Amino acid sequence: MTDPQLYKVIFENDRVRVLEYRDHPGDRTNPHRHPDSVMVTLSAFRRRVSTGGRQVDVELPAGQVRWLGAQEHTGENTGTTETHGIFIELKEPNPAPVSSSDVPLGPSTL
């Protein structure tokens, strides 16, 4: 796992891995990969998610639940508050492979 100072495994079995994520304004992650995941925001935050020349600015309130399709990216806390969230990563691959350009970058409501 990249950025162990930001991610902490809080549960894992053969089907899922659950991570807690915390960072502060200005913190950045190294390039890393998420499998298909569900993200739960525990704090409101603003961040920039980037990969392969694409980037998206994300601002979410606390208490949101979002789908995060499998992707590789970097992230940067561009806000004034700590980011705090939970990622529930699925270990089973999507049965229908998709192109990385078809997957929305960052969290989505899909």
PDB file of N, CA and C in Angstrom:
ATOM      1  N   MET A   1       0.850  -1.180   0.000  1.00  0.00           N
ATOM      2  CA  MET A   1       0.000   0.000   0.000  1.00  0.00           C
ATOM      3  C   MET A   1       0.893   1.239   0.000  1.00  0.00           C
ATOM      4  N   THR A   2       0.568   2.188  -0.882  1.00  0.00           N
ATOM      5  CA  THR A   2       1.303   3.449  -0.880  1.00  0.00           C
ATOM      6  C   THR A   2       0.741   4.360   0.213  1.00  0.00           C
ATOM      7  N   ASP A   3       1.509   5.332   0.619  1.00  0.00           N
ATOM      8  CA  ASP A   3       1.093   6.354   1.588  1.00  0.00           C
ATOM      9  C   ASP A   3       0.511   5.773   2.880  1.00  0.00           C
ATOM     10  N   PRO A   4       1.274   4.906   3.576  1.00  0.00           N
ATOM     11  CA  PRO A   4       0.749   4.312   4.808  1.00  0.00           C
ATOM     12  C   PRO A   4       0.518   5.344   5.912  1.00  0.00           C
ATOM     13  N   GLN A   5       1.086   6.531   5.790  1.00  0.00           N
ATOM     14  CA  GLN A   5       0.824   7.577   6.772  1.00  0.00           C
ATOM     15  C   GLN A   5      -0.569   8.175   6.583  1.00  0.00           C
ATOM     16  N   LEU A   6      -1.206   7.908   5.425  1.00  0.00           N
ATOM     17  CA  LEU A   6      -2.536   8.453   5.130  1.00  0.00           C
ATOM     18  C   LEU A   6      -3.629   7.382   5.153  1.00  0.00           C
ATOM     19  N   TYR A   7      -3.284   6.161   4.764  1.00  0.00           N
ATOM     20  CA  TYR A   7      -4.237   5.047   4.720  1.00  0.00           C
ATOM     21  C   TYR A   7      -3.960   4.066   5.847  1.00  0.00           C
ATOM     22  N   LYS A   8      -5.025   3.555   6.451  1.00  0.00           N
ATOM     23  CA  LYS A   8      -4.899   2.546   7.504  1.00  0.00           C
ATOM     24  C   LYS A   8      -5.929   1.451   7.235  1.00  0.00           C
ATOM     25  N   VAL A   9      -5.480   0.197   7.176  1.00  0.00           N
ATOM     26  CA  VAL A   9      -6.399  -0.927   7.011  1.00  0.00           C
ATOM     27  C   VAL A   9      -7.126  -1.132   8.337  1.00  0.00           C
ATOM     28  N   ILE A  10      -8.470  -1.052   8.301  1.00  0.00           N
ATOM     29  CA  ILE A  10      -9.242  -1.238   9.536  1.00  0.00           C
ATOM     30  C   ILE A  10     -10.033  -2.547   9.540  1.00  0.00           C
ATOM     31  N   PHE A  11     -10.122  -3.205   8.372  1.00  0.00           N
ATOM     32  CA  PHE A  11     -10.763  -4.515   8.282  1.00  0.00           C
ATOM     33  C   PHE A  11     -10.373  -5.147   6.954  1.00  0.00           C
ATOM     34  N   GLU A  12     -10.182  -6.463   6.960  1.00  0.00           N
ATOM     35  CA  GLU A  12      -9.908  -7.155   5.706  1.00  0.00           C
ATOM     36  C   GLU A  12     -10.281  -8.617   5.847  1.00  0.00           C
ATOM     37  N   ASN A  13     -10.889  -9.139   4.770  1.00  0.00           N
ATOM     38  CA  ASN A  13     -11.120 -10.578   4.665  1.00  0.00           C
ATOM     39  C   ASN A  13     -10.910 -10.964   3.206  1.00  0.00           C
ATOM     40  N   ASP A  14     -11.357 -12.148   2.801  1.00  0.00           N
ATOM     41  CA  ASP A  14     -11.100 -12.587   1.436  1.00  0.00           C
ATOM     42  C   ASP A  14     -11.961 -11.886   0.386  1.00  0.00           C
ATOM     43  N   ARG A  15     -12.966 -11.084   0.789  1.00  0.00           N
ATOM     44  CA  ARG A  15     -13.861 -10.429  -0.171  1.00  0.00           C
ATOM     45  C   ARG A  15     -13.713  -8.912  -0.226  1.00  0.00           C
ATOM     46  N   VAL A  16     -13.323  -8.284   0.901  1.00  0.00           N
ATOM     47  CA  VAL A  16     -13.209  -6.818   0.945  1.00  0.00           C
ATOM     48  C   VAL A  16     -12.005  -6.390   1.773  1.00  0.00           C
ATOM     49  N   ARG A  17     -11.565  -5.170   1.517  1.00  0.00           N
ATOM     50  CA  ARG A  17     -10.582  -4.496   2.376  1.00  0.00           C
ATOM     51  C   ARG A  17     -11.167  -3.133   2.685  1.00  0.00           C
ATOM     52  N   VAL A  18     -11.165  -2.755   3.965  1.00  0.00           N
ATOM     53  CA  VAL A  18     -11.718  -1.473   4.390  1.00  0.00           C
ATOM     54  C   VAL A  18     -10.562  -0.605   4.885  1.00  0.00           C
ATOM     55  N   LEU A  19     -10.443   0.586   4.279  1.00  0.00           N
ATOM     56  CA  LEU A  19      -9.375   1.516   4.612  1.00  0.00           C
ATOM     57  C   LEU A  19      -9.948   2.788   5.216  1.00  0.00           C
ATOM     58  N   GLU A  20      -9.261   3.315   6.203  1.00  0.00           N
ATOM     59  CA  GLU A  20      -9.553   4.660   6.696  1.00  0.00           C
ATOM     60  C   GLU A  20      -8.517   5.578   6.077  1.00  0.00           C
ATOM     61  N   TYR A  21      -8.962   6.728   5.580  1.00  0.00           N
ATOM     62  CA  TYR A  21      -8.065   7.689   4.951  1.00  0.00           C
ATOM     63  C   TYR A  21      -8.179   9.020   5.682  1.00  0.00           C
ATOM     64  N   ARG A  22      -7.028   9.610   6.000  1.00  0.00           N
ATOM     65  CA  ARG A  22      -6.974  10.944   6.626  1.00  0.00           C
ATOM     66  C   ARG A  22      -5.814  11.720   6.023  1.00  0.00           C
ATOM     67  N   ASP A  23      -6.062  12.990   5.708  1.00  0.00           N
ATOM     68  CA  ASP A  23      -4.964  13.870   5.319  1.00  0.00           C
ATOM     69  C   ASP A  23      -5.273  15.293   5.744  1.00  0.00           C
ATOM     70  N   HIS A  24      -4.313  16.171   5.528  1.00  0.00           N
ATOM     71  CA  HIS A  24      -4.434  17.580   5.906  1.00  0.00           C
ATOM     72  C   HIS A  24      -4.298  18.449   4.660  1.00  0.00           C
ATOM     73  N   PRO A  25      -4.731  19.712   4.717  1.00  0.00           N
ATOM     74  CA  PRO A  25      -4.588  20.597   3.562  1.00  0.00           C
ATOM     75  C   PRO A  25      -3.155  20.591   3.031  1.00  0.00           C
ATOM     76  N   GLY A  26      -3.044  20.439   1.709  1.00  0.00           N
ATOM     77  CA  GLY A  26      -1.735  20.413   1.061  1.00  0.00           C
ATOM     78  C   GLY A  26      -1.138  19.029   0.908  1.00  0.00           C
ATOM     79  N   ASP A  27      -1.637  18.039   1.647  1.00  0.00           N
ATOM     80  CA  ASP A  27      -1.113  16.665   1.513  1.00  0.00           C
ATOM     81  C   ASP A  27      -1.430  16.119   0.128  1.00  0.00           C
ATOM     82  N   ARG A  28      -0.501  15.299  -0.388  1.00  0.00           N
ATOM     83  CA  ARG A  28      -0.662  14.645  -1.695  1.00  0.00           C
ATOM     84  C   ARG A  28      -0.364  13.169  -1.556  1.00  0.00           C
ATOM     85  N   THR A  29      -1.024  12.376  -2.385  1.00  0.00           N
ATOM     86  CA  THR A  29      -0.731  10.946  -2.421  1.00  0.00           C
ATOM     87  C   THR A  29       0.177  10.643  -3.596  1.00  0.00           C
ATOM     88  N   ASN A  30       0.909   9.560  -3.489  1.00  0.00           N
ATOM     89  CA  ASN A  30       1.672   9.020  -4.610  1.00  0.00           C
ATOM     90  C   ASN A  30       0.697   8.299  -5.536  1.00  0.00           C
ATOM     91  N   PRO A  31       1.097   8.034  -6.777  1.00  0.00           N
ATOM     92  CA  PRO A  31       0.222   7.256  -7.656  1.00  0.00           C
ATOM     93  C   PRO A  31      -0.131   5.923  -6.986  1.00  0.00           C
ATOM     94  N   HIS A  32      -1.405   5.604  -6.980  1.00  0.00           N
ATOM     95  CA  HIS A  32      -1.871   4.359  -6.376  1.00  0.00           C
ATOM     96  C   HIS A  32      -3.131   3.888  -7.096  1.00  0.00           C
ATOM     97  N   ARG A  33      -3.507   2.643  -6.841  1.00  0.00           N
ATOM     98  CA  ARG A  33      -4.643   2.032  -7.525  1.00  0.00           C
ATOM     99  C   ARG A  33      -5.702   1.621  -6.514  1.00  0.00           C
ATOM    100  N   HIS A  34      -6.956   1.891  -6.856  1.00  0.00           N
ATOM    101  CA  HIS A  34      -8.096   1.389  -6.097  1.00  0.00           C
ATOM    102  C   HIS A  34      -8.843   0.390  -6.971  1.00  0.00           C
ATOM    103  N   PRO A  35      -9.229  -0.757  -6.422  1.00  0.00           N
ATOM    104  CA  PRO A  35     -10.178  -1.598  -7.148  1.00  0.00           C
ATOM    105  C   PRO A  35     -11.560  -0.945  -7.031  1.00  0.00           C
ATOM    106  N   ASP A  36     -12.588  -1.533  -7.636  1.00  0.00           N
ATOM    107  CA  ASP A  36     -13.938  -1.023  -7.425  1.00  0.00           C
ATOM    108  C   ASP A  36     -14.165  -0.861  -5.929  1.00  0.00           C
ATOM    109  N   SER A  37     -14.698   0.317  -5.533  1.00  0.00           N
ATOM    110  CA  SER A  37     -14.820   0.641  -4.114  1.00  0.00           C
ATOM    111  C   SER A  37     -16.057   1.477  -3.845  1.00  0.00           C
ATOM    112  N   VAL A  38     -16.454   1.479  -2.580  1.00  0.00           N
ATOM    113  CA  VAL A  38     -17.453   2.410  -2.077  1.00  0.00           C
ATOM    114  C   VAL A  38     -16.720   3.337  -1.128  1.00  0.00           C
ATOM    115  N   MET A  39     -16.923   4.649  -1.302  1.00  0.00           N
ATOM    116  CA  MET A  39     -16.284   5.651  -0.450  1.00  0.00           C
ATOM    117  C   MET A  39     -17.346   6.316   0.424  1.00  0.00           C
ATOM    118  N   VAL A  40     -17.059   6.439   1.725  1.00  0.00           N
ATOM    119  CA  VAL A  40     -17.942   7.122   2.667  1.00  0.00           C
ATOM    120  C   VAL A  40     -17.171   8.308   3.218  1.00  0.00           C
ATOM    121  N   THR A  41     -17.728   9.519   3.038  1.00  0.00           N
ATOM    122  CA  THR A  41     -17.039  10.714   3.545  1.00  0.00           C
ATOM    123  C   THR A  41     -17.427  10.934   5.005  1.00  0.00           C
ATOM    124  N   LEU A  42     -16.426  11.053   5.861  1.00  0.00           N
ATOM    125  CA  LEU A  42     -16.659  11.323   7.276  1.00  0.00           C
ATOM    126  C   LEU A  42     -16.447  12.795   7.601  1.00  0.00           C
ATOM    127  N   SER A  43     -15.832  13.533   6.676  1.00  0.00           N
ATOM    128  CA  SER A  43     -15.670  14.986   6.819  1.00  0.00           C
ATOM    129  C   SER A  43     -15.960  15.599   5.458  1.00  0.00           C
ATOM    130  N   ALA A  44     -16.273  16.882   5.464  1.00  0.00           N
ATOM    131  CA  ALA A  44     -16.374  17.623   4.208  1.00  0.00           C
ATOM    132  C   ALA A  44     -14.952  17.883   3.727  1.00  0.00           C
ATOM    133  N   PHE A  45     -14.741  17.825   2.403  1.00  0.00           N
ATOM    134  CA  PHE A  45     -13.388  18.073   1.900  1.00  0.00           C
ATOM    135  C   PHE A  45     -13.417  18.515   0.457  1.00  0.00           C
ATOM    136  N   ARG A  46     -12.270  19.072   0.042  1.00  0.00           N
ATOM    137  CA  ARG A  46     -12.054  19.462  -1.355  1.00  0.00           C
ATOM    138  C   ARG A  46     -10.697  18.904  -1.762  1.00  0.00           C
ATOM    139  N   ARG A  47     -10.672  18.229  -2.927  1.00  0.00           N
ATOM    140  CA  ARG A  47      -9.411  17.655  -3.382  1.00  0.00           C
ATOM    141  C   ARG A  47      -9.368  17.578  -4.893  1.00  0.00           C
ATOM    142  N   ARG A  48      -8.165  17.405  -5.409  1.00  0.00           N
ATOM    143  CA  ARG A  48      -7.928  17.239  -6.849  1.00  0.00           C
ATOM    144  C   ARG A  48      -7.437  15.813  -7.064  1.00  0.00           C
ATOM    145  N   VAL A  49      -8.085  15.103  -7.990  1.00  0.00           N
ATOM    146  CA  VAL A  49      -7.721  13.738  -8.354  1.00  0.00           C
ATOM    147  C   VAL A  49      -7.196  13.787  -9.785  1.00  0.00           C
ATOM    148  N   SER A  50      -6.013  13.175 -10.020  1.00  0.00           N
ATOM    149  CA  SER A  50      -5.367  13.260 -11.336  1.00  0.00           C
ATOM    150  C   SER A  50      -4.835  11.910 -11.777  1.00  0.00           C
ATOM    151  N   THR A  51      -4.854  11.703 -13.108  1.00  0.00           N
ATOM    152  CA  THR A  51      -4.216  10.542 -13.718  1.00  0.00           C
ATOM    153  C   THR A  51      -4.038  10.786 -15.201  1.00  0.00           C
ATOM    154  N   GLY A  52      -2.904  10.403 -15.738  1.00  0.00           N
ATOM    155  CA  GLY A  52      -2.667  10.427 -17.175  1.00  0.00           C
ATOM    156  C   GLY A  52      -3.065  11.708 -17.884  1.00  0.00           C
ATOM    157  N   GLY A  53      -2.803  12.862 -17.301  1.00  0.00           N
ATOM    158  CA  GLY A  53      -3.154  14.131 -17.923  1.00  0.00           C
ATOM    159  C   GLY A  53      -4.585  14.581 -17.672  1.00  0.00           C
ATOM    160  N   ARG A  54      -5.408  13.721 -17.077  1.00  0.00           N
ATOM    161  CA  ARG A  54      -6.781  14.099 -16.701  1.00  0.00           C
ATOM    162  C   ARG A  54      -6.779  14.502 -15.235  1.00  0.00           C
ATOM    163  N   GLN A  55      -7.627  15.461 -14.892  1.00  0.00           N
ATOM    164  CA  GLN A  55      -7.798  15.812 -13.482  1.00  0.00           C
ATOM    165  C   GLN A  55      -9.214  16.297 -13.249  1.00  0.00           C
ATOM    166  N   VAL A  56      -9.664  16.125 -12.019  1.00  0.00           N
ATOM    167  CA  VAL A  56     -10.993  16.580 -11.628  1.00  0.00           C
ATOM    168  C   VAL A  56     -10.895  17.128 -10.210  1.00  0.00           C
ATOM    169  N   ASP A  57     -11.580  18.237  -9.973  1.00  0.00           N
ATOM    170  CA  ASP A  57     -11.680  18.802  -8.632  1.00  0.00           C
ATOM    171  C   ASP A  57     -12.970  18.288  -8.010  1.00  0.00           C
ATOM    172  N   VAL A  58     -12.861  17.776  -6.789  1.00  0.00           N
ATOM    173  CA  VAL A  58     -13.977  17.149  -6.093  1.00  0.00           C
ATOM    174  C   VAL A  58     -14.209  17.899  -4.792  1.00  0.00           C
ATOM    175  N   GLU A  59     -15.465  18.233  -4.518  1.00  0.00           N
ATOM    176  CA  GLU A  59     -15.838  18.821  -3.228  1.00  0.00           C
ATOM    177  C   GLU A  59     -17.055  18.068  -2.729  1.00  0.00           C
ATOM    178  N   LEU A  60     -16.928  17.449  -1.552  1.00  0.00           N
ATOM    179  CA  LEU A  60     -18.003  16.639  -1.010  1.00  0.00           C
ATOM    180  C   LEU A  60     -18.270  17.000   0.445  1.00  0.00           C
ATOM    181  N   PRO A  61     -19.530  17.000   0.848  1.00  0.00           N
ATOM    182  CA  PRO A  61     -19.849  17.192   2.262  1.00  0.00           C
ATOM    183  C   PRO A  61     -19.654  15.893   3.037  1.00  0.00           C
ATOM    184  N   ALA A  62     -19.664  15.988   4.346  1.00  0.00           N
ATOM    185  CA  ALA A  62     -19.604  14.793   5.186  1.00  0.00           C
ATOM    186  C   ALA A  62     -20.885  13.981   5.001  1.00  0.00           C
ATOM    187  N   GLY A  63     -20.765  12.665   5.191  1.00  0.00           N
ATOM    188  CA  GLY A  63     -21.933  11.806   5.165  1.00  0.00           C
ATOM    189  C   GLY A  63     -22.369  11.348   3.787  1.00  0.00           C
ATOM    190  N   GLN A  64     -21.529  11.524   2.775  1.00  0.00           N
ATOM    191  CA  GLN A  64     -21.859  11.077   1.422  1.00  0.00           C
ATOM    192  C   GLN A  64     -21.342   9.663   1.190  1.00  0.00           C
ATOM    193  N   VAL A  65     -22.027   8.925   0.337  1.00  0.00           N
ATOM    194  CA  VAL A  65     -21.590   7.599  -0.086  1.00  0.00           C
ATOM    195  C   VAL A  65     -21.468   7.653  -1.598  1.00  0.00           C
ATOM    196  N   ARG A  66     -20.298   7.291  -2.116  1.00  0.00           N
ATOM    197  CA  ARG A  66     -20.032   7.370  -3.553  1.00  0.00           C
ATOM    198  C   ARG A  66     -19.374   6.096  -4.052  1.00  0.00           C
ATOM    199  N   TRP A  67     -19.644   5.755  -5.301  1.00  0.00           N
ATOM    200  CA  TRP A  67     -18.990   4.660  -5.994  1.00  0.00           C
ATOM    201  C   TRP A  67     -17.679   5.176  -6.565  1.00  0.00           C
ATOM    202  N   LEU A  68     -16.633   4.385  -6.465  1.00  0.00           N
ATOM    203  CA  LEU A  68     -15.340   4.704  -7.051  1.00  0.00           C
ATOM    204  C   LEU A  68     -14.948   3.516  -7.922  1.00  0.00           C
ATOM    205  N   GLY A  69     -15.112   3.670  -9.244  1.00  0.00           N
ATOM    206  CA  GLY A  69     -14.726   2.607 -10.164  1.00  0.00           C
ATOM    207  C   GLY A  69     -13.229   2.392 -10.112  1.00  0.00           C
ATOM    208  N   ALA A  70     -12.783   1.170 -10.380  1.00  0.00           N
ATOM    209  CA  ALA A  70     -11.359   0.825 -10.340  1.00  0.00           C
ATOM    210  C   ALA A  70     -10.561   1.848 -11.142  1.00  0.00           C
ATOM    211  N   GLN A  71      -9.489   2.363 -10.545  1.00  0.00           N
ATOM    212  CA  GLN A  71      -8.685   3.391 -11.198  1.00  0.00           C
ATOM    213  C   GLN A  71      -7.353   3.568 -10.497  1.00  0.00           C
ATOM    214  N   GLU A  72      -6.413   4.149 -11.235  1.00  0.00           N
ATOM    215  CA  GLU A  72      -5.135   4.586 -10.675  1.00  0.00           C
ATOM    216  C   GLU A  72      -5.138   6.098 -10.728  1.00  0.00           C
ATOM    217  N   HIS A  73      -4.681   6.746  -9.643  1.00  0.00           N
ATOM    218  CA  HIS A  73      -4.660   8.202  -9.615  1.00  0.00           C
ATOM    219  C   HIS A  73      -3.731   8.712  -8.509  1.00  0.00           C
ATOM    220  N   THR A  74      -3.578  10.022  -8.478  1.00  0.00           N
ATOM    221  CA  THR A  74      -2.977  10.716  -7.345  1.00  0.00           C
ATOM    222  C   THR A  74      -4.045  11.648  -6.805  1.00  0.00           C
ATOM    223  N   GLY A  75      -3.904  12.051  -5.559  1.00  0.00           N
ATOM    224  CA  GLY A  75      -4.858  12.977  -4.952  1.00  0.00           C
ATOM    225  C   GLY A  75      -4.127  14.067  -4.197  1.00  0.00           C
ATOM    226  N   GLU A  76      -4.777  15.214  -4.116  1.00  0.00           N
ATOM    227  CA  GLU A  76      -4.211  16.346  -3.368  1.00  0.00           C
ATOM    228  C   GLU A  76      -5.335  17.041  -2.618  1.00  0.00           C
ATOM    229  N   ASN A  77      -5.124  17.276  -1.325  1.00  0.00           N
ATOM    230  CA  ASN A  77      -6.087  18.028  -0.525  1.00  0.00           C
ATOM    231  C   ASN A  77      -5.910  19.505  -0.876  1.00  0.00           C
ATOM    232  N   THR A  78      -6.853  20.055  -1.624  1.00  0.00           N
ATOM    233  CA  THR A  78      -6.788  21.453  -2.067  1.00  0.00           C
ATOM    234  C   THR A  78      -7.656  22.357  -1.216  1.00  0.00           C
ATOM    235  N   GLY A  79      -8.240  21.810  -0.169  1.00  0.00           N
ATOM    236  CA  GLY A  79      -9.134  22.582   0.687  1.00  0.00           C
ATOM    237  C   GLY A  79      -8.444  23.117   1.928  1.00  0.00           C
ATOM    238  N   THR A  80      -9.264  23.521   2.883  1.00  0.00           N
ATOM    239  CA  THR A  80      -8.766  24.096   4.139  1.00  0.00           C
ATOM    240  C   THR A  80      -9.082  23.194   5.327  1.00  0.00           C
ATOM    241  N   THR A  81      -9.615  21.992   5.037  1.00  0.00           N
ATOM    242  CA  THR A  81      -9.986  21.067   6.103  1.00  0.00           C
ATOM    243  C   THR A  81      -9.331  19.706   5.870  1.00  0.00           C
ATOM    244  N   GLU A  82      -9.280  18.915   6.926  1.00  0.00           N
ATOM    245  CA  GLU A  82      -8.781  17.545   6.834  1.00  0.00           C
ATOM    246  C   GLU A  82      -9.749  16.711   6.005  1.00  0.00           C
ATOM    247  N   THR A  83      -9.207  15.789   5.212  1.00  0.00           N
ATOM    248  CA  THR A  83     -10.019  14.779   4.541  1.00  0.00           C
ATOM    249  C   THR A  83     -10.075  13.563   5.459  1.00  0.00           C
ATOM    250  N   HIS A  84     -11.276  13.057   5.685  1.00  0.00           N
ATOM    251  CA  HIS A  84     -11.438  11.844   6.484  1.00  0.00           C
ATOM    252  C   HIS A  84     -12.515  11.008   5.808  1.00  0.00           C
ATOM    253  N   GLY A  85     -12.160   9.787   5.447  1.00  0.00           N
ATOM    254  CA  GLY A  85     -13.119   8.929   4.765  1.00  0.00           C
ATOM    255  C   GLY A  85     -12.795   7.470   4.930  1.00  0.00           C
ATOM    256  N   ILE A  86     -13.737   6.653   4.500  1.00  0.00           N
ATOM    257  CA  ILE A  86     -13.608   5.198   4.529  1.00  0.00           C
ATOM    258  C   ILE A  86     -13.754   4.690   3.095  1.00  0.00           C
ATOM    259  N   PHE A  87     -12.880   3.771   2.697  1.00  0.00           N
ATOM    260  CA  PHE A  87     -12.965   3.102   1.404  1.00  0.00           C
ATOM    261  C   PHE A  87     -13.238   1.626   1.658  1.00  0.00           C
ATOM    262  N   ILE A  88     -14.281   1.095   1.045  1.00  0.00           N
ATOM    263  CA  ILE A  88     -14.594  -0.321   1.104  1.00  0.00           C
ATOM    264  C   ILE A  88     -14.245  -0.883  -0.266  1.00  0.00           C
ATOM    265  N   GLU A  89     -13.086  -1.518  -0.353  1.00  0.00           N
ATOM    266  CA  GLU A  89     -12.563  -2.016  -1.627  1.00  0.00           C
ATOM    267  C   GLU A  89     -13.024  -3.454  -1.856  1.00  0.00           C
ATOM    268  N   LEU A  90     -13.596  -3.687  -3.047  1.00  0.00           N
ATOM    269  CA  LEU A  90     -14.057  -5.019  -3.419  1.00  0.00           C
ATOM    270  C   LEU A  90     -12.890  -5.814  -4.000  1.00  0.00           C
ATOM    271  N   LYS A  91     -12.725  -7.027  -3.576  1.00  0.00           N
ATOM    272  CA  LYS A  91     -11.626  -7.849  -4.082  1.00  0.00           C
ATOM    273  C   LYS A  91     -12.013  -8.635  -5.329  1.00  0.00           C
ATOM    274  N   GLU A  92     -13.293  -8.805  -5.574  1.00  0.00           N
ATOM    275  CA  GLU A  92     -13.735  -9.516  -6.768  1.00  0.00           C
ATOM    276  C   GLU A  92     -13.749  -8.553  -7.939  1.00  0.00           C
ATOM    277  N   PRO A  93     -13.145  -8.916  -9.060  1.00  0.00           N
ATOM    278  CA  PRO A  93     -13.112  -7.996 -10.210  1.00  0.00           C
ATOM    279  C   PRO A  93     -14.491  -7.834 -10.836  1.00  0.00           C
ATOM    280  N   ASN A  94     -14.671  -6.707 -11.509  1.00  0.00           N
ATOM    281  CA  ASN A  94     -15.886  -6.444 -12.268  1.00  0.00           C
ATOM    282  C   ASN A  94     -16.003  -7.518 -13.347  1.00  0.00           C
ATOM    283  N   PRO A  95     -17.154  -8.189 -13.461  1.00  0.00           N
ATOM    284  CA  PRO A  95     -17.274  -9.251 -14.459  1.00  0.00           C
ATOM    285  C   PRO A  95     -17.231  -8.746 -15.901  1.00  0.00           C
ATOM    286  N   ALA A  96     -17.482  -7.461 -16.117  1.00  0.00           N
ATOM    287  CA  ALA A  96     -17.440  -6.886 -17.466  1.00  0.00           C
ATOM    288  C   ALA A  96     -16.310  -5.869 -17.518  1.00  0.00           C
ATOM    289  N   PRO A  97     -15.138  -6.220 -18.076  1.00  0.00           N
ATOM    290  CA  PRO A  97     -14.023  -5.274 -18.110  1.00  0.00           C
ATOM    291  C   PRO A  97     -14.391  -4.000 -18.871  1.00  0.00           C
ATOM    292  N   VAL A  98     -13.899  -2.880 -18.362  1.00  0.00           N
ATOM    293  CA  VAL A  98     -14.139  -1.590 -19.005  1.00  0.00           C
ATOM    294  C   VAL A  98     -12.816  -0.891 -19.240  1.00  0.00           C
ATOM    295  N   SER A  99     -12.795  -0.011 -20.206  1.00  0.00           N
ATOM    296  CA  SER A  99     -11.615   0.783 -20.496  1.00  0.00           C
ATOM    297  C   SER A  99     -11.447   1.832 -19.407  1.00  0.00           C
ATOM    298  N   SER A 100     -10.200   2.118 -19.015  1.00  0.00           N
ATOM    299  CA  SER A 100      -9.965   3.127 -17.978  1.00  0.00           C
ATOM    300  C   SER A 100     -10.475   4.496 -18.391  1.00  0.00           C
ATOM    301  N   SER A 101     -10.554   4.781 -19.700  1.00  0.00           N
ATOM    302  CA  SER A 101     -11.070   6.078 -20.143  1.00  0.00           C
ATOM    303  C   SER A 101     -12.580   6.162 -19.990  1.00  0.00           C
ATOM    304  N   ASP A 102     -13.262   5.022 -19.805  1.00  0.00           N
ATOM    305  CA  ASP A 102     -14.715   5.003 -19.608  1.00  0.00           C
ATOM    306  C   ASP A 102     -15.097   5.165 -18.151  1.00  0.00           C
ATOM    307  N   VAL A 103     -14.143   5.025 -17.235  1.00  0.00           N
ATOM    308  CA  VAL A 103     -14.419   5.108 -15.814  1.00  0.00           C
ATOM    309  C   VAL A 103     -14.291   6.558 -15.374  1.00  0.00           C
ATOM    310  N   PRO A 104     -15.330   7.107 -14.689  1.00  0.00           N
ATOM    311  CA  PRO A 104     -15.192   8.484 -14.198  1.00  0.00           C
ATOM    312  C   PRO A 104     -14.026   8.584 -13.220  1.00  0.00           C
ATOM    313  N   LEU A 105     -13.255   9.644 -13.319  1.00  0.00           N
ATOM    314  CA  LEU A 105     -12.137   9.878 -12.418  1.00  0.00           C
ATOM    315  C   LEU A 105     -12.682  10.416 -11.111  1.00  0.00           C
ATOM    316  N   GLY A 106     -12.248   9.844 -10.009  1.00  0.00           N
ATOM    317  CA  GLY A 106     -12.741  10.269  -8.703  1.00  0.00           C
ATOM    318  C   GLY A 106     -14.080   9.635  -8.396  1.00  0.00           C
ATOM    319  N   PRO A 107     -14.710  10.033  -7.285  1.00  0.00           N
ATOM    320  CA  PRO A 107     -15.965   9.427  -6.875  1.00  0.00           C
ATOM    321  C   PRO A 107     -17.128   9.861  -7.768  1.00  0.00           C
ATOM    322  N   SER A 108     -18.117   8.974  -7.886  1.00  0.00           N
ATOM    323  CA  SER A 108     -19.292   9.298  -8.677  1.00  0.00           C
ATOM    324  C   SER A 108     -20.535   8.758  -7.987  1.00  0.00           C
ATOM    325  N   THR A 109     -21.680   9.161  -8.462  1.00  0.00           N
ATOM    326  CA  THR A 109     -22.946   8.687  -7.891  1.00  0.00           C
ATOM    327  C   THR A 109     -23.451   7.473  -8.641  1.00  0.00           C
ATOM    328  N   LEU A 110     -22.695   6.951  -9.600  1.00  0.00           N
ATOM    329  CA  LEU A 110     -23.098   5.776 -10.386  1.00  0.00           C
ATOM    330  C   LEU A 110     -22.975   4.505  -9.602  1.00  0.00           C
TER     331      LEU A 110
END
